[in-house]
Amino acid sequence: MDFDIVSPEAINEGRATDAYFDRTATTLRHAGKNPHVIAEVTADQFPTGEFEVLSGTKDVAGLLSGHAIDVDAMREGQLFDGGPVCRIEGPYLEFARFETSLLGFLSHASAMATGAMEVRRAAPDSLVFSFGARHVHPSIAAVVERSALIGGLDGFSHVAAGDLLGREAGGTMPHAMLIAFGRGNQKRAWQAFDAAVAPAVPRIALCDTYADEVDESLRAADALGDALDSVRIDTTGSRRGNFEHILREVRWALDSVGREDVEIFASGGLGPADLRELRGVADGFGVGGHVSNADPIDFALDIVEMDGEPAAKRGKLPGRKEVYRTPDGGHDVALADRAGPTDGEALLSPLIRDGDVVREFDLDAATDRASVDAERVSFATDAAG
C-alpha cells in the first residue's frame, strides 16, 4: 500500500500546487499573456520587532532551478523582521505554479528553525536535542532536523534524517525498553543496554519508568557504575508536580553518593520557559513539539512590479525592495532604487541566475550565521520572557 506522500517528481513538475494556479496559467496562455514580473515573499510588510530565522531556501533553490528566472534571497540562518526574504524576477508563467510549494518550503522550515532558536537561547550553555520528528509526517523529518540544527540545537533523534543530512542521530532509551524487561527489572534493562550498544553511544539511563526518579537514578548509578554518563528524567506531566524540585532531588542524591560525574538530561513537553527554569540543574534537554509543532510562518508571495512598473494588490507595498541589517541589529526595508542606511548591509543576495543555482548550502555556516545574527538583534533574550 502506498503512503499518502506527494512525490518529488510532482513537486518539481508543478503539480504540488493550488488549482487556481493551474487555471491562471491556462487563462494567461489562452490570452497570450506572460508578463515580466518581480514577485516578493514576505511575512510582514514593515518591521514588527519580532525576529524569525530563515530556513528552507535550499529547497526553494532546487524547486526553481532550471527555469528562466533570477532569484535573490536572504541566506539560510539569517534573521528577518519585515520586508522580503526572497525576490523572483522573470516571466510569470515560469514560476506561477510553484508558489504553493515555495511558500510551504519556507513557512514550515523557518517556523521550526525559529522554535529551535528560542529553546537554544533559553539554555545557551546546555546540550539541547531535537526529539520532535514523531510529531510530523515522516516524509519531512529531515526538514525538522535540518531546521533544528540551523536554529542551534546540538543534535537530533531521527535516523533517516541523519542519513540525508550526513549527521549521526542520537538518543537514549524508551520506556518501552524498560517495560519489556518487566517491572522491577530496571537494572537488567540498563545493563543489557550497556552490553549491547556500541561503546561510542553515551550510557544515559531512563530513570522514571516504575519507581521514584531519585530511587531509579541511584539504582542506575549502582547498576552501571562508572559507565553511566547521565540519567534522563522524562516524568509524565500528570505525575510531575514541581519538575525543578524533582531534578534537584536527583542531583542531590547522586552527589551524596559521590556521583557528581553523572549528568541529568530532562525531556517531556519542554519549551523555552521550562529550559530557563531548569537550566541551572539539568545539563541537557530533549525538546520536541516546540520545534516540530511550530505554527508555520504566514509567508505570502506577491507581484510588486510588472513590465517595469510598480504593481501590487491593496495592502501590499509596490516596487522592488531591499532589506538591510545595521550594526546595532536594526532591520530596515527600503525601495531598491533608493539609498538604504549608510551603515546597512543588504541581505538579499543571488540565489538563481537565469535558472542556475549560484549559491552553496553549508549547514554549519547557516547555523553559525543564525547564532551571530541572533546576538546582533538580541533574539529572545531572558528579559523578553
Protein backbone atom coordinates (compact mmCIF):
# COMPACT_ATOMS: atom_id res chain seq x y z
CA MET A 1 0.00 0.00 0.00
CA ASP A 2 1.38 3.41 -0.97
CA PHE A 3 1.81 6.20 1.55
CA ASP A 4 -0.10 9.43 1.02
CA ILE A 5 3.00 11.35 0.02
CA VAL A 6 3.29 13.84 -2.83
CA SER A 7 6.33 12.71 -4.80
CA PRO A 8 9.40 14.85 -5.53
CA GLU A 9 8.56 14.44 -9.20
CA ALA A 10 5.13 16.00 -8.69
CA ILE A 11 6.68 18.90 -6.76
CA ASN A 12 9.27 19.55 -9.49
CA GLU A 13 6.64 19.32 -12.22
CA GLY A 14 4.48 21.95 -10.50
CA ARG A 15 1.67 19.52 -9.64
CA ALA A 16 2.05 20.26 -5.91
CA THR A 17 0.09 23.45 -6.41
CA ASP A 18 -3.27 25.02 -5.73
CA ALA A 19 -5.78 24.51 -8.53
CA TYR A 20 -6.19 28.20 -9.19
CA PHE A 21 -2.58 28.46 -10.34
CA ASP A 22 -3.28 25.83 -13.00
CA ARG A 23 -6.34 27.80 -14.07
CA THR A 24 -4.37 31.05 -14.05
CA ALA A 25 -1.74 29.53 -16.33
CA THR A 26 -4.44 28.21 -18.67
CA THR A 27 -6.11 31.63 -18.78
CA LEU A 28 -2.91 33.60 -19.40
CA ARG A 29 -1.76 31.27 -22.15
CA HIS A 30 -5.18 31.42 -23.79
CA ALA A 31 -4.99 35.23 -23.68
CA GLY A 32 -1.42 35.31 -24.93
CA LYS A 33 -0.17 36.96 -21.74
CA ASN A 34 3.02 36.23 -19.80
CA PRO A 35 4.16 39.49 -18.17
CA HIS A 36 7.66 40.05 -16.88
CA VAL A 37 7.22 40.49 -13.15
CA ILE A 38 9.02 40.91 -9.87
CA ALA A 39 7.43 38.97 -7.02
CA GLU A 40 8.47 39.06 -3.37
CA VAL A 41 7.96 36.66 -0.48
CA THR A 42 7.14 38.43 2.76
CA ALA A 43 5.63 37.67 6.15
CA ASP A 44 5.24 41.30 7.24
CA GLN A 45 5.43 44.42 5.10
CA PHE A 46 7.13 46.54 7.77
CA PRO A 47 9.43 45.55 10.66
CA THR A 48 7.48 44.36 13.70
CA GLY A 49 10.24 43.97 16.27
CA GLU A 50 9.82 40.18 16.31
CA PHE A 51 12.62 38.36 14.51
CA GLU A 52 12.39 34.91 12.93
CA VAL A 53 15.00 32.58 11.44
CA LEU A 54 15.01 31.84 7.71
CA SER A 55 15.20 28.22 6.66
CA GLY A 56 14.10 26.31 3.57
CA THR A 57 15.98 28.26 0.88
CA LYS A 58 17.90 25.16 -0.17
CA ASP A 59 14.63 23.50 -1.19
CA VAL A 60 13.47 26.70 -2.89
CA ALA A 61 16.65 26.72 -4.97
CA GLY A 62 16.03 23.13 -6.01
CA LEU A 63 12.44 23.89 -6.87
CA LEU A 64 13.14 26.92 -9.07
CA SER A 65 16.37 25.84 -10.72
CA GLY A 66 16.22 25.25 -14.44
CA HIS A 67 13.64 27.96 -15.05
CA ALA A 68 14.32 31.23 -16.87
CA ILE A 69 14.21 33.44 -13.80
CA ASP A 70 16.50 35.25 -11.40
CA VAL A 71 16.05 34.80 -7.66
CA ASP A 72 17.56 36.73 -4.78
CA ALA A 73 17.10 35.61 -1.20
CA MET A 74 18.41 36.00 2.29
CA ARG A 75 20.83 33.30 3.33
CA GLU A 76 19.79 30.35 5.47
CA GLY A 77 20.06 31.21 9.14
CA GLN A 78 19.56 34.93 8.58
CA LEU A 79 17.07 36.51 10.96
CA PHE A 80 14.37 38.65 9.39
CA ASP A 81 11.79 41.14 10.57
CA GLY A 82 9.54 42.51 7.86
CA GLY A 83 10.13 43.04 4.16
CA PRO A 84 11.02 40.41 1.55
CA VAL A 85 13.08 37.32 2.31
CA CYS A 86 13.03 36.26 -1.36
CA ARG A 87 12.59 38.06 -4.69
CA ILE A 88 11.83 36.44 -8.06
CA GLU A 89 12.14 38.15 -11.42
CA GLY A 90 11.15 36.77 -14.79
CA PRO A 91 8.18 35.73 -16.94
CA TYR A 92 5.33 35.00 -14.53
CA LEU A 93 4.44 31.62 -16.03
CA GLU A 94 7.98 30.38 -15.39
CA PHE A 95 7.23 30.16 -11.65
CA ALA A 96 3.48 30.67 -11.08
CA ARG A 97 2.68 27.00 -10.47
CA PHE A 98 5.48 26.68 -7.88
CA GLU A 99 4.12 29.28 -5.46
CA THR A 100 2.34 26.76 -3.21
CA SER A 101 5.40 24.57 -2.75
CA LEU A 102 7.77 27.53 -2.41
CA LEU A 103 5.74 29.04 0.42
CA GLY A 104 5.43 25.65 2.10
CA PHE A 105 9.19 25.12 2.00
CA LEU A 106 9.86 28.48 3.65
CA SER A 107 6.90 28.70 6.03
CA HIS A 108 7.34 25.39 7.82
CA ALA A 109 11.13 25.23 7.93
CA SER A 110 11.53 28.83 9.10
CA ALA A 111 8.99 28.31 11.88
CA MET A 112 10.86 25.25 13.14
CA ALA A 113 14.24 26.98 12.94
CA THR A 114 12.77 29.86 14.94
CA GLY A 115 11.39 27.47 17.56
CA ALA A 116 14.80 25.84 17.79
CA MET A 117 16.46 29.22 18.22
CA GLU A 118 14.03 30.05 21.04
CA VAL A 119 14.99 26.99 23.06
CA ARG A 120 18.68 27.39 22.15
CA ARG A 121 18.71 30.91 23.54
CA ALA A 122 16.76 29.82 26.62
CA ALA A 123 19.56 27.46 27.64
CA PRO A 124 22.68 28.68 25.83
CA ASP A 125 25.15 26.56 27.82
CA SER A 126 23.16 23.30 27.81
CA LEU A 127 23.04 20.44 25.34
CA VAL A 128 19.67 20.59 23.56
CA PHE A 129 18.47 17.87 21.18
CA SER A 130 15.52 17.76 18.80
CA PHE A 131 13.11 14.96 19.71
CA GLY A 132 10.13 16.19 17.68
CA ALA A 133 10.18 14.16 14.46
CA ARG A 134 7.48 11.88 15.86
CA HIS A 135 5.03 14.78 15.73
CA VAL A 136 5.18 15.25 11.96
CA HIS A 137 4.74 13.20 8.81
CA PRO A 138 7.88 11.06 8.43
CA SER A 139 8.44 12.37 4.90
CA ILE A 140 9.53 15.75 6.33
CA ALA A 141 11.60 14.50 9.28
CA ALA A 142 14.83 15.72 7.68
CA VAL A 143 13.29 19.19 7.30
CA VAL A 144 12.58 19.21 11.03
CA GLU A 145 16.08 18.16 11.95
CA ARG A 146 17.85 20.45 9.47
CA SER A 147 15.84 23.39 10.76
CA ALA A 148 16.61 22.38 14.35
CA LEU A 149 20.33 22.44 13.58
CA ILE A 150 20.09 25.82 11.85
CA GLY A 151 18.34 27.14 14.95
CA GLY A 152 21.30 25.99 17.01
CA LEU A 153 20.32 22.65 18.54
CA ASP A 154 23.14 20.21 19.20
CA GLY A 155 21.65 17.12 17.62
CA PHE A 156 18.51 15.15 16.80
CA SER A 157 16.98 11.71 17.12
CA HIS A 158 15.77 10.71 13.65
CA VAL A 159 17.89 8.05 11.94
CA ALA A 160 16.78 8.55 8.32
CA ALA A 161 17.12 12.32 8.67
CA GLY A 162 20.68 11.73 9.79
CA ASP A 163 21.31 9.66 6.68
CA LEU A 164 20.15 12.56 4.48
CA LEU A 165 21.96 15.27 6.43
CA GLY A 166 25.20 13.37 6.92
CA ARG A 167 24.84 13.53 10.70
CA GLU A 168 24.50 10.71 13.21
CA ALA A 169 21.24 10.55 15.12
CA GLY A 170 21.38 10.36 18.91
CA GLY A 171 19.11 9.03 21.61
CA THR A 172 18.87 7.22 24.90
CA MET A 173 16.27 4.53 25.54
CA PRO A 174 12.44 4.50 25.57
CA HIS A 175 10.17 3.42 28.40
CA ALA A 176 9.15 0.50 26.16
CA MET A 177 12.62 -0.99 26.55
CA LEU A 178 12.38 -0.89 30.34
CA ILE A 179 8.87 -2.31 30.29
CA ALA A 180 9.99 -5.15 28.02
CA PHE A 181 12.22 -6.41 30.83
CA GLY A 182 9.33 -6.31 33.32
CA ARG A 183 8.54 -4.37 36.47
CA GLY A 184 11.36 -4.49 38.97
CA ASN A 185 13.94 -5.44 36.36
CA GLN A 186 15.20 -1.97 35.50
CA LYS A 187 18.74 -2.99 36.48
CA ARG A 188 18.69 -5.82 33.95
CA ALA A 189 17.45 -3.44 31.26
CA TRP A 190 20.15 -0.83 31.89
CA GLN A 191 22.86 -3.48 31.97
CA ALA A 192 21.56 -5.12 28.79
CA PHE A 193 21.69 -1.74 27.04
CA ASP A 194 25.25 -1.24 28.22
CA ALA A 195 26.25 -4.69 26.95
CA ALA A 196 24.54 -4.33 23.58
CA VAL A 197 25.11 -0.86 22.15
CA ALA A 198 28.32 0.45 20.63
CA PRO A 199 30.92 1.86 23.03
CA ALA A 200 30.62 5.31 21.46
CA VAL A 201 26.95 5.58 22.47
CA PRO A 202 26.57 7.52 25.73
CA ARG A 203 25.18 5.47 28.61
CA ILE A 204 22.11 7.51 29.51
CA ALA A 205 19.68 5.62 31.72
CA LEU A 206 15.98 6.47 31.68
CA CYS A 207 15.02 6.71 35.34
CA ASP A 208 11.29 7.26 35.83
CA THR A 209 9.53 4.17 34.49
CA TYR A 210 8.26 2.34 37.58
CA ALA A 211 9.71 3.98 40.67
CA ASP A 212 10.63 7.37 42.09
CA GLU A 213 13.12 9.30 39.96
CA VAL A 214 15.64 9.54 42.80
CA ASP A 215 15.37 5.82 43.53
CA GLU A 216 15.81 4.76 39.92
CA SER A 217 18.70 7.20 39.38
CA LEU A 218 20.60 5.75 42.34
CA ARG A 219 19.87 2.21 41.16
CA ALA A 220 21.13 3.07 37.67
CA ALA A 221 24.32 4.53 39.12
CA ASP A 222 24.85 1.32 41.08
CA ALA A 223 23.99 -0.92 38.12
CA LEU A 224 26.29 0.73 35.57
CA GLY A 225 28.98 2.14 37.85
CA ASP A 226 31.48 4.40 36.14
CA ALA A 227 29.99 3.57 32.71
CA LEU A 228 26.92 5.70 33.47
CA ASP A 229 27.14 9.08 31.76
CA SER A 230 23.74 10.54 32.52
CA VAL A 231 20.23 9.88 33.73
CA ARG A 232 17.22 11.01 31.73
CA ILE A 233 14.15 12.21 33.61
CA ASP A 234 11.02 12.24 31.46
CA THR A 235 8.33 12.26 34.14
CA THR A 236 4.78 12.25 32.77
CA GLY A 237 3.09 15.65 33.17
CA SER A 238 0.30 14.26 35.36
CA ARG A 239 2.91 12.98 37.85
CA ARG A 240 5.40 15.77 37.53
CA GLY A 241 4.44 18.35 40.14
CA ASN A 242 7.44 20.64 40.59
CA PHE A 243 9.81 19.34 37.93
CA GLU A 244 12.68 21.57 39.01
CA HIS A 245 12.42 20.23 42.56
CA ILE A 246 12.44 16.64 41.28
CA LEU A 247 15.61 17.28 39.30
CA ARG A 248 17.25 19.00 42.26
CA GLU A 249 16.46 15.95 44.40
CA VAL A 250 18.05 13.69 41.79
CA ARG A 251 21.13 15.92 41.66
CA TRP A 252 21.41 15.95 45.46
CA ALA A 253 21.02 12.19 45.71
CA LEU A 254 23.64 11.45 43.06
CA ASP A 255 26.08 13.91 44.62
CA SER A 256 25.53 12.37 48.05
CA VAL A 257 26.86 9.01 46.83
CA GLY A 258 29.83 10.57 45.07
CA ARG A 259 28.37 10.57 41.56
CA GLU A 260 28.86 14.22 40.71
CA ASP A 261 30.06 12.97 37.32
CA VAL A 262 26.59 11.74 36.32
CA GLU A 263 24.72 14.39 34.37
CA ILE A 264 20.96 14.96 34.25
CA PHE A 265 19.05 15.09 30.97
CA ALA A 266 15.43 16.31 31.05
CA SER A 267 12.69 15.82 28.46
CA GLY A 268 8.93 15.75 28.05
CA GLY A 269 6.93 18.63 26.59
CA LEU A 270 9.53 21.28 27.35
CA GLY A 271 9.66 24.80 25.89
CA PRO A 272 11.78 27.93 26.36
CA ALA A 273 10.27 28.87 29.73
CA ASP A 274 10.97 25.38 31.06
CA LEU A 275 14.57 25.47 29.89
CA ARG A 276 15.14 28.84 31.54
CA GLU A 277 13.77 27.42 34.77
CA LEU A 278 15.64 24.10 34.63
CA ARG A 279 18.97 25.02 33.06
CA GLY A 280 20.57 25.54 36.47
CA VAL A 281 20.08 21.89 37.45
CA ALA A 282 19.76 19.91 34.19
CA ASP A 283 22.79 19.50 31.93
CA GLY A 284 20.82 18.79 28.76
CA PHE A 285 17.36 18.70 27.28
CA GLY A 286 15.29 16.94 24.68
CA VAL A 287 12.78 19.27 23.04
CA GLY A 288 10.06 18.04 20.71
CA GLY A 289 6.85 19.85 19.97
CA HIS A 290 8.16 23.38 20.46
CA VAL A 291 10.26 22.86 17.34
CA SER A 292 8.34 20.37 15.22
CA ASN A 293 4.88 21.75 16.04
CA ALA A 294 5.75 25.41 15.46
CA ASP A 295 2.99 27.27 13.65
CA PRO A 296 4.11 27.90 10.06
CA ILE A 297 5.12 31.47 9.34
CA ASP A 298 2.47 33.21 7.25
CA PHE A 299 4.56 33.99 4.19
CA ALA A 300 2.88 35.29 1.05
CA LEU A 301 4.19 35.75 -2.49
CA ASP A 302 3.01 38.94 -4.22
CA ILE A 303 3.75 40.62 -7.52
CA VAL A 304 5.24 44.06 -6.81
CA GLU A 305 6.31 45.09 -10.32
CA MET A 306 5.02 44.23 -13.80
CA ASP A 307 6.73 45.07 -17.07
CA GLY A 308 8.96 47.60 -15.34
CA GLU A 309 6.21 49.44 -13.46
CA PRO A 310 5.31 49.16 -9.74
CA ALA A 311 2.24 46.98 -9.28
CA ALA A 312 0.71 45.39 -6.19
CA LYS A 313 -2.61 44.44 -4.66
CA ARG A 314 -4.14 46.64 -1.97
CA GLY A 315 -2.33 46.28 1.35
CA LYS A 316 0.98 45.31 -0.27
CA LEU A 317 3.88 47.65 -0.97
CA PRO A 318 4.64 48.05 -4.71
CA GLY A 319 8.15 48.17 -6.14
CA ARG A 320 11.35 46.14 -5.87
CA LYS A 321 12.64 46.32 -2.30
CA GLU A 322 15.84 45.70 -0.39
CA VAL A 323 16.28 44.83 3.28
CA TYR A 324 19.23 45.82 5.43
CA ARG A 325 20.86 44.87 8.72
CA THR A 326 22.57 47.69 10.60
CA PRO A 327 25.38 47.16 13.12
CA ASP A 328 23.03 47.89 16.03
CA GLY A 329 20.80 44.99 14.97
CA GLY A 330 18.27 47.10 13.09
CA HIS A 331 16.25 45.69 10.20
CA ASP A 332 15.34 48.23 7.53
CA VAL A 333 13.16 47.94 4.43
CA ALA A 334 13.55 50.35 1.50
CA LEU A 335 12.89 50.57 -2.23
CA ALA A 336 15.84 49.02 -4.03
CA ASP A 337 16.43 52.11 -6.20
CA ARG A 338 16.74 54.37 -3.15
CA ALA A 339 19.66 54.71 -0.77
CA GLY A 340 19.48 52.42 2.23
CA PRO A 341 21.02 53.05 5.65
CA THR A 342 24.59 54.31 5.26
CA ASP A 343 25.89 51.58 7.54
CA GLY A 344 23.40 48.91 6.44
CA GLU A 345 24.28 45.51 4.99
CA ALA A 346 21.98 44.42 2.13
CA LEU A 347 20.58 40.99 2.97
CA LEU A 348 19.18 39.78 -0.36
CA SER A 349 21.82 38.10 -2.49
CA PRO A 350 21.79 36.00 -5.68
CA LEU A 351 20.32 32.52 -5.37
CA ILE A 352 19.49 31.75 -9.02
CA ARG A 353 20.62 33.46 -12.18
CA ASP A 354 18.86 32.53 -15.44
CA GLY A 355 17.85 29.22 -13.95
CA ASP A 356 21.22 28.26 -12.49
CA VAL A 357 21.74 27.97 -8.73
CA VAL A 358 24.65 30.25 -7.83
CA ARG A 359 24.87 29.59 -4.10
CA GLU A 360 26.19 26.73 -1.98
CA PHE A 361 24.35 25.50 1.09
CA ASP A 362 26.51 24.72 4.07
CA LEU A 363 24.60 23.62 7.16
CA ASP A 364 27.33 24.59 9.60
CA ALA A 365 27.62 28.04 8.02
CA ALA A 366 23.86 28.55 8.32
CA THR A 367 23.98 27.56 11.99
CA ASP A 368 26.84 29.97 12.65
CA ARG A 369 25.04 32.73 10.76
CA ALA A 370 21.91 32.28 12.86
CA SER A 371 23.89 32.35 16.10
CA VAL A 372 25.78 35.52 15.18
CA ASP A 373 22.68 37.31 13.90
CA ALA A 374 20.68 36.32 16.98
CA GLU A 375 23.27 38.09 19.11
CA ARG A 376 23.14 41.17 16.89
CA VAL A 377 19.37 41.52 17.19
CA SER A 378 19.13 40.29 20.82
CA PHE A 379 16.78 37.50 19.79
CA ALA A 380 14.54 36.09 22.56
CA THR A 381 16.59 37.33 25.48
CA ASP A 382 15.66 36.34 29.03
CA ALA A 383 14.29 39.84 29.55
CA ALA A 384 11.84 39.19 26.74
CA GLY A 385 10.48 36.17 28.58
